[in-house]
């Protein structure tokens, strides 16, 4: 069997989902800074101020790394990355299925907003999905392995799936 060693990088579908995190980050950071200006680093709300600032900064970091989202095929390995915040490694030989589907919404909290879904997300019909996608539920490319289920949204989906199938050996 021929080994495919060429490295290929696929970008996700376009999305403005990062704007949600940027706005949340700016809002919370602004509130935190405003509270510090008004009450300083003392008083009964210090913990609340620090938590608000921390969440705001994390949201801004998530928004800042949006352009780094990618799906990289390197030999028979798929690397799914979102800056230094997220990295999944999928061995193509371990993939059981690849299918495009819409995922249902769960009321359980997860790390997703319209246009961006990251980390583990609970979905009622298939359980936990390791997301790195520019959509929270519509048109998700679901890749299932023995160990986990992944949700991606490559821009050139047909080309990505064809190349991934080649590397799977099927």
N, C-alpha and C. Protein backbone atom coordinates (compact mmCIF):
# COMPACT_ATOMS: atom_id res chain seq x y z
N UNK A 1 0.84 -1.18 0.00
CA UNK A 1 0.00 0.00 0.00
C UNK A 1 0.89 1.25 0.00
N UNK A 2 0.52 2.23 -0.77
CA UNK A 2 1.28 3.47 -0.90
C UNK A 2 1.04 4.35 0.34
N UNK A 3 2.12 4.87 0.90
CA UNK A 3 2.03 5.76 2.06
C UNK A 3 1.92 7.19 1.56
N UNK A 4 0.98 7.92 2.13
CA UNK A 4 0.81 9.32 1.77
C UNK A 4 1.49 10.16 2.84
N UNK A 5 2.50 10.90 2.45
CA UNK A 5 3.25 11.67 3.44
C UNK A 5 3.09 13.18 3.26
N UNK A 6 2.45 13.60 2.22
CA UNK A 6 2.29 15.03 1.96
C UNK A 6 1.45 15.69 3.05
N UNK A 7 1.92 16.82 3.51
CA UNK A 7 1.19 17.59 4.52
C UNK A 7 0.21 18.52 3.81
N UNK A 8 -1.03 18.52 4.27
CA UNK A 8 -2.06 19.39 3.70
C UNK A 8 -2.79 20.10 4.84
N UNK A 9 -3.03 21.39 4.64
CA UNK A 9 -3.73 22.18 5.65
C UNK A 9 -5.06 22.65 5.08
N UNK A 10 -6.11 22.41 5.85
CA UNK A 10 -7.45 22.84 5.47
C UNK A 10 -7.94 23.85 6.51
N UNK A 11 -8.54 24.89 6.03
CA UNK A 11 -9.11 25.93 6.90
C UNK A 11 -10.58 25.64 7.15
N UNK A 12 -11.13 26.20 8.23
CA UNK A 12 -12.55 26.00 8.51
C UNK A 12 -13.42 26.91 7.64
N UNK A 13 -14.71 26.60 7.60
CA UNK A 13 -15.65 27.49 6.92
C UNK A 13 -15.60 28.87 7.57
N UNK A 14 -15.83 29.90 6.78
CA UNK A 14 -15.85 31.25 7.35
C UNK A 14 -16.95 31.39 8.40
N UNK A 15 -16.67 32.23 9.39
CA UNK A 15 -17.63 32.45 10.46
C UNK A 15 -17.29 33.74 11.18
N UNK A 16 -18.29 34.35 11.75
CA UNK A 16 -18.05 35.51 12.61
C UNK A 16 -18.27 35.14 14.07
N UNK A 17 -18.21 33.86 14.39
CA UNK A 17 -18.43 33.39 15.75
C UNK A 17 -17.46 33.97 16.76
N UNK A 18 -16.26 34.30 16.33
CA UNK A 18 -15.28 34.87 17.24
C UNK A 18 -15.74 36.21 17.81
N UNK A 19 -16.63 36.89 17.09
CA UNK A 19 -17.12 38.20 17.55
C UNK A 19 -17.87 38.06 18.87
N UNK A 20 -18.59 36.94 19.06
CA UNK A 20 -19.30 36.72 20.32
C UNK A 20 -18.31 36.75 21.49
N UNK A 21 -17.18 36.05 21.33
CA UNK A 21 -16.20 36.01 22.40
C UNK A 21 -15.50 37.35 22.56
N UNK A 22 -15.26 38.05 21.47
CA UNK A 22 -14.64 39.37 21.55
C UNK A 22 -15.55 40.34 22.31
N UNK A 23 -16.84 40.32 21.98
CA UNK A 23 -17.78 41.21 22.66
C UNK A 23 -17.91 40.86 24.15
N UNK A 24 -18.00 39.56 24.44
CA UNK A 24 -18.08 39.13 25.83
C UNK A 24 -16.81 39.56 26.58
N UNK A 25 -15.66 39.35 25.97
CA UNK A 25 -14.40 39.73 26.59
C UNK A 25 -14.30 41.23 26.84
N UNK A 26 -14.69 42.02 25.85
CA UNK A 26 -14.65 43.47 26.01
C UNK A 26 -15.62 43.93 27.09
N UNK A 27 -16.82 43.36 27.10
CA UNK A 27 -17.82 43.74 28.10
C UNK A 27 -17.34 43.41 29.51
N UNK A 28 -16.90 42.17 29.72
CA UNK A 28 -16.48 41.77 31.07
C UNK A 28 -15.21 42.49 31.51
N UNK A 29 -14.27 42.68 30.60
CA UNK A 29 -13.06 43.42 30.94
C UNK A 29 -13.39 44.87 31.28
N UNK A 30 -14.29 45.47 30.51
CA UNK A 30 -14.72 46.84 30.79
C UNK A 30 -15.40 46.97 32.13
N UNK A 31 -16.27 46.02 32.44
CA UNK A 31 -16.95 46.04 33.74
C UNK A 31 -15.93 45.87 34.86
N UNK A 32 -15.01 44.93 34.70
CA UNK A 32 -13.99 44.71 35.73
C UNK A 32 -13.12 45.93 35.94
N UNK A 33 -12.68 46.54 34.87
CA UNK A 33 -11.85 47.74 34.98
C UNK A 33 -12.64 48.89 35.60
N UNK A 34 -13.90 49.02 35.20
CA UNK A 34 -14.76 50.05 35.79
C UNK A 34 -14.93 49.86 37.29
N UNK A 35 -15.09 48.63 37.72
CA UNK A 35 -15.23 48.35 39.15
C UNK A 35 -13.94 48.64 39.91
N UNK A 36 -12.81 48.35 39.27
CA UNK A 36 -11.51 48.65 39.91
C UNK A 36 -11.34 50.16 40.06
N UNK A 37 -11.70 50.91 39.02
CA UNK A 37 -11.58 52.37 39.07
C UNK A 37 -12.46 52.93 40.19
N UNK A 38 -13.66 52.38 40.33
CA UNK A 38 -14.59 52.90 41.33
C UNK A 38 -14.28 52.46 42.75
N UNK A 39 -13.83 51.20 42.92
CA UNK A 39 -13.64 50.71 44.29
C UNK A 39 -12.22 50.29 44.61
N UNK A 40 -11.33 50.34 43.64
CA UNK A 40 -9.94 49.95 43.88
C UNK A 40 -9.82 48.45 44.07
N UNK A 41 -8.67 48.04 44.60
CA UNK A 41 -8.42 46.61 44.82
C UNK A 41 -8.76 46.21 46.25
N UNK A 42 -9.78 46.81 46.79
CA UNK A 42 -10.21 46.45 48.14
C UNK A 42 -11.73 46.41 48.16
N UNK A 43 -12.23 45.98 49.25
CA UNK A 43 -13.67 45.95 49.40
C UNK A 43 -14.24 44.56 49.22
N UNK A 44 -15.54 44.43 49.43
CA UNK A 44 -16.18 43.11 49.43
C UNK A 44 -16.30 42.48 48.04
N UNK A 45 -16.11 43.24 46.98
CA UNK A 45 -16.31 42.71 45.63
C UNK A 45 -15.01 42.37 44.91
N UNK A 46 -13.89 42.32 45.62
CA UNK A 46 -12.60 42.07 44.99
C UNK A 46 -12.58 40.75 44.24
N UNK A 47 -13.09 39.69 44.84
CA UNK A 47 -13.11 38.37 44.18
C UNK A 47 -13.98 38.44 42.92
N UNK A 48 -15.12 39.09 43.00
CA UNK A 48 -16.01 39.22 41.85
C UNK A 48 -15.33 40.01 40.73
N UNK A 49 -14.63 41.06 41.10
CA UNK A 49 -13.92 41.88 40.11
C UNK A 49 -12.85 41.04 39.41
N UNK A 50 -12.07 40.30 40.18
CA UNK A 50 -10.99 39.49 39.60
C UNK A 50 -11.53 38.37 38.71
N UNK A 51 -12.61 37.74 39.12
CA UNK A 51 -13.23 36.68 38.30
C UNK A 51 -13.77 37.28 37.01
N UNK A 52 -14.42 38.43 37.10
CA UNK A 52 -14.95 39.10 35.92
C UNK A 52 -13.84 39.44 34.94
N UNK A 53 -12.75 39.99 35.44
CA UNK A 53 -11.61 40.32 34.59
C UNK A 53 -11.00 39.07 33.96
N UNK A 54 -10.85 38.00 34.75
CA UNK A 54 -10.25 36.76 34.24
C UNK A 54 -11.09 36.17 33.11
N UNK A 55 -12.40 36.12 33.30
CA UNK A 55 -13.28 35.57 32.26
C UNK A 55 -13.22 36.45 31.01
N UNK A 56 -13.18 37.76 31.21
CA UNK A 56 -13.09 38.67 30.07
C UNK A 56 -11.81 38.48 29.29
N UNK A 57 -10.71 38.30 29.98
CA UNK A 57 -9.42 38.10 29.31
C UNK A 57 -9.41 36.76 28.57
N UNK A 58 -9.94 35.71 29.18
CA UNK A 58 -10.01 34.40 28.51
C UNK A 58 -10.85 34.50 27.23
N UNK A 59 -11.97 35.19 27.30
CA UNK A 59 -12.81 35.35 26.12
C UNK A 59 -12.07 36.11 25.01
N UNK A 60 -11.30 37.13 25.37
CA UNK A 60 -10.52 37.86 24.38
C UNK A 60 -9.43 36.99 23.76
N UNK A 61 -8.80 36.15 24.56
CA UNK A 61 -7.77 35.24 24.04
C UNK A 61 -8.39 34.25 23.05
N UNK A 62 -9.56 33.72 23.40
CA UNK A 62 -10.24 32.79 22.49
C UNK A 62 -10.56 33.47 21.17
N UNK A 63 -11.04 34.69 21.22
CA UNK A 63 -11.34 35.43 19.99
C UNK A 63 -10.07 35.70 19.19
N UNK A 64 -8.99 36.01 19.87
CA UNK A 64 -7.73 36.34 19.18
C UNK A 64 -7.16 35.14 18.43
N UNK A 65 -7.37 33.93 18.93
CA UNK A 65 -6.80 32.75 18.28
C UNK A 65 -7.69 32.19 17.17
N UNK A 66 -8.84 32.80 16.90
CA UNK A 66 -9.75 32.29 15.88
C UNK A 66 -9.07 32.06 14.52
N UNK A 67 -8.23 32.99 14.04
CA UNK A 67 -7.60 32.77 12.73
C UNK A 67 -6.66 31.56 12.68
N UNK A 68 -6.29 31.03 13.83
CA UNK A 68 -5.36 29.89 13.85
C UNK A 68 -6.06 28.54 13.72
N UNK A 69 -7.38 28.50 13.69
CA UNK A 69 -8.10 27.22 13.58
C UNK A 69 -7.75 26.56 12.25
N UNK A 70 -7.37 25.26 12.32
CA UNK A 70 -7.06 24.54 11.09
C UNK A 70 -7.12 23.04 11.32
N UNK A 71 -7.18 22.35 10.18
CA UNK A 71 -7.19 20.88 10.15
C UNK A 71 -6.03 20.47 9.26
N UNK A 72 -5.02 19.84 9.85
CA UNK A 72 -3.79 19.52 9.12
C UNK A 72 -3.63 18.01 8.98
N UNK A 73 -3.56 17.57 7.74
CA UNK A 73 -3.29 16.16 7.45
C UNK A 73 -1.79 16.01 7.23
N UNK A 74 -1.17 15.17 8.04
CA UNK A 74 0.27 14.93 7.95
C UNK A 74 0.47 13.42 7.95
N UNK A 75 0.70 12.87 6.77
CA UNK A 75 0.76 11.41 6.65
C UNK A 75 -0.61 10.84 6.95
N UNK A 76 -0.68 9.90 7.89
CA UNK A 76 -1.96 9.30 8.24
C UNK A 76 -2.52 9.88 9.53
N UNK A 77 -2.08 11.08 9.90
CA UNK A 77 -2.53 11.72 11.14
C UNK A 77 -3.23 13.04 10.81
N UNK A 78 -4.37 13.26 11.45
CA UNK A 78 -5.10 14.52 11.34
C UNK A 78 -4.87 15.29 12.63
N UNK A 79 -4.32 16.50 12.50
CA UNK A 79 -4.13 17.39 13.65
C UNK A 79 -5.18 18.48 13.55
N UNK A 80 -5.99 18.61 14.58
CA UNK A 80 -7.02 19.63 14.66
C UNK A 80 -6.55 20.63 15.71
N UNK A 81 -6.36 21.90 15.32
CA UNK A 81 -5.81 22.88 16.26
C UNK A 81 -6.59 24.19 16.28
N UNK A 82 -6.53 24.82 17.43
CA UNK A 82 -7.06 26.16 17.64
C UNK A 82 -6.03 26.88 18.50
N UNK A 83 -5.00 27.41 17.83
CA UNK A 83 -3.90 28.05 18.55
C UNK A 83 -3.31 27.09 19.58
N UNK A 84 -2.81 27.63 20.68
CA UNK A 84 -2.28 26.75 21.74
C UNK A 84 -3.37 26.24 22.68
N UNK A 85 -4.61 26.65 22.44
CA UNK A 85 -5.70 26.30 23.35
C UNK A 85 -6.27 24.90 23.14
N UNK A 86 -6.18 24.39 21.92
CA UNK A 86 -6.83 23.12 21.62
C UNK A 86 -6.00 22.37 20.58
N UNK A 87 -5.80 21.08 20.82
CA UNK A 87 -5.10 20.24 19.84
C UNK A 87 -5.62 18.82 19.98
N UNK A 88 -6.24 18.34 18.90
CA UNK A 88 -6.67 16.94 18.84
C UNK A 88 -5.82 16.25 17.79
N UNK A 89 -5.40 15.02 18.08
CA UNK A 89 -4.66 14.21 17.12
C UNK A 89 -5.50 12.98 16.82
N UNK A 90 -5.81 12.78 15.54
CA UNK A 90 -6.65 11.66 15.11
C UNK A 90 -5.86 10.81 14.13
N UNK A 91 -5.69 9.54 14.46
CA UNK A 91 -5.03 8.60 13.56
C UNK A 91 -6.05 8.17 12.51
N UNK A 92 -5.78 8.45 11.25
CA UNK A 92 -6.73 8.15 10.17
C UNK A 92 -7.11 6.67 10.13
N UNK A 93 -6.20 5.80 10.51
CA UNK A 93 -6.49 4.37 10.49
C UNK A 93 -7.54 3.97 11.53
N UNK A 94 -7.76 4.80 12.53
CA UNK A 94 -8.71 4.51 13.59
C UNK A 94 -10.11 5.10 13.34
N UNK A 95 -10.27 5.82 12.24
CA UNK A 95 -11.56 6.43 11.94
C UNK A 95 -12.55 5.35 11.50
N UNK A 96 -13.70 5.33 12.17
CA UNK A 96 -14.75 4.36 11.85
C UNK A 96 -15.76 4.94 10.85
N UNK A 97 -16.04 6.24 10.98
CA UNK A 97 -17.02 6.85 10.06
C UNK A 97 -16.79 8.35 9.96
N UNK A 98 -17.20 8.87 8.79
CA UNK A 98 -17.17 10.31 8.52
C UNK A 98 -18.53 10.64 7.90
N UNK A 99 -19.25 11.55 8.52
CA UNK A 99 -20.54 11.94 7.95
C UNK A 99 -20.86 13.38 8.33
N UNK A 100 -21.59 14.02 7.46
CA UNK A 100 -22.01 15.40 7.70
C UNK A 100 -23.41 15.35 8.27
N UNK A 101 -23.63 16.09 9.35
CA UNK A 101 -24.96 16.09 9.95
C UNK A 101 -25.19 17.34 10.78
N UNK A 102 -26.45 17.57 11.04
CA UNK A 102 -26.84 18.63 11.95
C UNK A 102 -26.98 18.00 13.33
N UNK A 103 -26.41 18.64 14.33
CA UNK A 103 -26.46 18.11 15.68
C UNK A 103 -27.53 18.84 16.48
N UNK A 104 -28.21 18.10 17.33
CA UNK A 104 -29.25 18.69 18.16
C UNK A 104 -28.68 19.56 19.26
N UNK A 105 -29.52 20.39 19.83
CA UNK A 105 -29.11 21.30 20.89
C UNK A 105 -29.36 20.66 22.24
N UNK A 106 -28.44 20.83 23.17
CA UNK A 106 -28.59 20.34 24.53
C UNK A 106 -28.61 21.53 25.47
N UNK A 107 -29.40 21.45 26.51
CA UNK A 107 -29.45 22.54 27.48
C UNK A 107 -28.25 22.51 28.42
N UNK A 108 -27.50 21.41 28.38
CA UNK A 108 -26.30 21.32 29.20
C UNK A 108 -25.28 22.32 28.66
N UNK A 109 -24.67 23.03 29.56
CA UNK A 109 -23.71 24.07 29.17
C UNK A 109 -22.50 23.47 28.45
N UNK A 110 -22.03 24.18 27.47
CA UNK A 110 -20.81 23.79 26.77
C UNK A 110 -20.17 25.04 26.19
N UNK A 111 -19.06 24.86 25.52
CA UNK A 111 -18.28 25.97 25.01
C UNK A 111 -18.64 26.22 23.56
N UNK A 112 -19.82 26.78 23.33
CA UNK A 112 -20.24 27.06 21.97
C UNK A 112 -21.17 28.27 21.94
N UNK A 113 -21.04 29.00 20.86
CA UNK A 113 -21.90 30.14 20.56
C UNK A 113 -22.22 30.04 19.07
N UNK A 114 -23.17 30.78 18.56
CA UNK A 114 -23.40 30.72 17.12
C UNK A 114 -22.11 31.06 16.36
N UNK A 115 -21.65 30.13 15.54
CA UNK A 115 -20.48 30.37 14.73
C UNK A 115 -19.16 29.90 15.31
N UNK A 116 -19.19 29.28 16.50
CA UNK A 116 -17.95 28.77 17.08
C UNK A 116 -18.26 27.75 18.16
N UNK A 117 -17.67 26.57 18.03
CA UNK A 117 -17.81 25.51 19.04
C UNK A 117 -16.44 24.89 19.27
N UNK A 118 -16.03 24.88 20.53
CA UNK A 118 -14.71 24.36 20.89
C UNK A 118 -14.82 23.39 22.07
N UNK A 119 -13.83 22.54 22.18
CA UNK A 119 -13.70 21.59 23.29
C UNK A 119 -14.85 20.57 23.28
N UNK A 120 -15.12 19.96 24.41
CA UNK A 120 -16.15 18.91 24.48
C UNK A 120 -17.53 19.54 24.58
N UNK A 121 -18.42 19.09 23.69
CA UNK A 121 -19.79 19.57 23.72
C UNK A 121 -20.76 18.40 23.77
N UNK A 122 -21.73 18.43 24.68
CA UNK A 122 -22.71 17.35 24.74
C UNK A 122 -23.81 17.53 23.68
N UNK A 123 -24.07 16.47 22.95
CA UNK A 123 -25.13 16.48 21.95
C UNK A 123 -26.03 15.28 22.23
N UNK A 124 -27.35 15.49 22.27
CA UNK A 124 -28.26 14.44 22.72
C UNK A 124 -28.19 13.13 21.93
N UNK A 125 -28.02 13.21 20.62
CA UNK A 125 -28.10 11.98 19.82
C UNK A 125 -26.79 11.19 19.73
N UNK A 126 -25.64 11.83 20.01
CA UNK A 126 -24.38 11.09 19.89
C UNK A 126 -23.46 11.23 21.09
N UNK A 127 -23.84 11.94 22.09
CA UNK A 127 -23.02 12.09 23.29
C UNK A 127 -22.03 13.24 23.15
N UNK A 128 -20.89 13.08 23.79
CA UNK A 128 -19.88 14.13 23.81
C UNK A 128 -19.11 14.17 22.49
N UNK A 129 -19.00 15.37 21.93
CA UNK A 129 -18.28 15.58 20.67
C UNK A 129 -17.15 16.56 20.94
N UNK A 130 -15.95 16.21 20.53
CA UNK A 130 -14.80 17.11 20.65
C UNK A 130 -14.87 18.07 19.47
N UNK A 131 -15.28 19.28 19.76
CA UNK A 131 -15.53 20.26 18.71
C UNK A 131 -14.34 21.17 18.44
N UNK A 132 -14.17 21.48 17.18
CA UNK A 132 -13.28 22.54 16.72
C UNK A 132 -13.91 22.99 15.40
N UNK A 133 -14.98 23.77 15.53
CA UNK A 133 -15.83 24.05 14.38
C UNK A 133 -16.30 25.50 14.38
N UNK A 134 -16.63 25.97 13.18
CA UNK A 134 -17.16 27.32 13.02
C UNK A 134 -18.68 27.31 12.95
N UNK A 135 -19.28 26.30 13.52
CA UNK A 135 -20.72 26.20 13.67
C UNK A 135 -20.97 25.38 14.93
N UNK A 136 -22.04 25.67 15.63
CA UNK A 136 -22.33 24.95 16.86
C UNK A 136 -23.11 23.67 16.60
N UNK A 137 -23.94 23.65 15.55
CA UNK A 137 -24.74 22.45 15.33
C UNK A 137 -25.09 22.16 13.88
N UNK A 138 -25.05 23.11 12.99
CA UNK A 138 -25.48 22.89 11.61
C UNK A 138 -24.31 22.56 10.68
N UNK A 139 -24.47 21.50 9.90
CA UNK A 139 -23.48 21.14 8.89
C UNK A 139 -22.14 20.73 9.48
N UNK A 140 -22.17 19.94 10.52
CA UNK A 140 -20.94 19.51 11.19
C UNK A 140 -20.45 18.22 10.54
N UNK A 141 -19.16 18.17 10.23
CA UNK A 141 -18.55 16.94 9.74
C UNK A 141 -18.16 16.14 10.98
N UNK A 142 -18.86 15.04 11.21
CA UNK A 142 -18.66 14.22 12.40
C UNK A 142 -17.73 13.07 12.05
N UNK A 143 -16.60 13.00 12.76
CA UNK A 143 -15.62 11.94 12.57
C UNK A 143 -15.62 11.09 13.83
N UNK A 144 -15.92 9.82 13.64
CA UNK A 144 -16.01 8.91 14.78
C UNK A 144 -14.83 7.93 14.78
N UNK A 145 -14.18 7.81 15.94
CA UNK A 145 -13.12 6.82 16.14
C UNK A 145 -13.54 5.93 17.30
N UNK A 146 -12.70 4.95 17.62
CA UNK A 146 -12.98 4.10 18.78
C UNK A 146 -12.94 4.89 20.08
N UNK A 147 -12.10 5.91 20.14
CA UNK A 147 -11.90 6.65 21.37
C UNK A 147 -12.82 7.86 21.54
N UNK A 148 -13.18 8.52 20.45
CA UNK A 148 -13.93 9.77 20.57
C UNK A 148 -14.67 10.10 19.28
N UNK A 149 -15.52 11.12 19.39
CA UNK A 149 -16.24 11.67 18.24
C UNK A 149 -15.81 13.13 18.12
N UNK A 150 -15.48 13.55 16.89
CA UNK A 150 -14.99 14.90 16.64
C UNK A 150 -15.95 15.63 15.72
N UNK A 151 -16.07 16.94 15.90
CA UNK A 151 -16.90 17.77 15.05
C UNK A 151 -16.07 18.87 14.40
N UNK A 152 -16.04 18.88 13.07
CA UNK A 152 -15.23 19.84 12.31
C UNK A 152 -16.09 20.53 11.26
N UNK A 153 -15.58 21.62 10.72
CA UNK A 153 -16.28 22.33 9.65
C UNK A 153 -15.27 22.83 8.61
N UNK A 154 -14.65 21.92 7.86
CA UNK A 154 -13.69 22.39 6.84
C UNK A 154 -14.39 23.16 5.72
N UNK A 155 -13.73 24.21 5.23
CA UNK A 155 -14.29 25.01 4.15
C UNK A 155 -14.44 24.19 2.87
N UNK A 156 -13.42 23.45 2.51
CA UNK A 156 -13.45 22.61 1.31
C UNK A 156 -13.74 21.18 1.77
N UNK A 157 -14.97 20.97 2.19
CA UNK A 157 -15.34 19.72 2.83
C UNK A 157 -15.14 18.49 1.94
N UNK A 158 -15.59 18.55 0.70
CA UNK A 158 -15.48 17.39 -0.19
C UNK A 158 -14.01 17.03 -0.42
N UNK A 159 -13.17 18.04 -0.63
CA UNK A 159 -11.74 17.80 -0.83
C UNK A 159 -11.10 17.24 0.45
N UNK A 160 -11.50 17.78 1.60
CA UNK A 160 -10.97 17.31 2.88
C UNK A 160 -11.35 15.84 3.12
N UNK A 161 -12.60 15.51 2.91
CA UNK A 161 -13.06 14.13 3.14
C UNK A 161 -12.38 13.16 2.17
N UNK A 162 -12.25 13.55 0.90
CA UNK A 162 -11.58 12.69 -0.08
C UNK A 162 -10.14 12.43 0.32
N UNK A 163 -9.45 13.47 0.75
CA UNK A 163 -8.05 13.31 1.17
C UNK A 163 -7.95 12.49 2.45
N UNK A 164 -8.85 12.70 3.37
CA UNK A 164 -8.84 11.93 4.61
C UNK A 164 -9.11 10.45 4.33
N UNK A 165 -10.06 10.18 3.45
CA UNK A 165 -10.37 8.77 3.09
C UNK A 165 -9.17 8.09 2.44
N UNK A 166 -8.43 8.83 1.61
CA UNK A 166 -7.21 8.28 1.00
C UNK A 166 -6.23 7.85 2.09
N UNK A 167 -6.11 8.69 3.10
CA UNK A 167 -5.16 8.45 4.16
C UNK A 167 -5.65 7.38 5.14
N UNK A 168 -6.93 7.13 5.11
CA UNK A 168 -7.48 6.04 5.93
C UNK A 168 -7.18 4.69 5.28
N UNK A 169 -6.85 4.70 3.99
CA UNK A 169 -6.58 3.46 3.27
C UNK A 169 -7.84 2.84 2.71
N UNK A 170 -8.93 3.63 2.59
CA UNK A 170 -10.17 3.12 2.01
C UNK A 170 -10.68 4.09 0.96
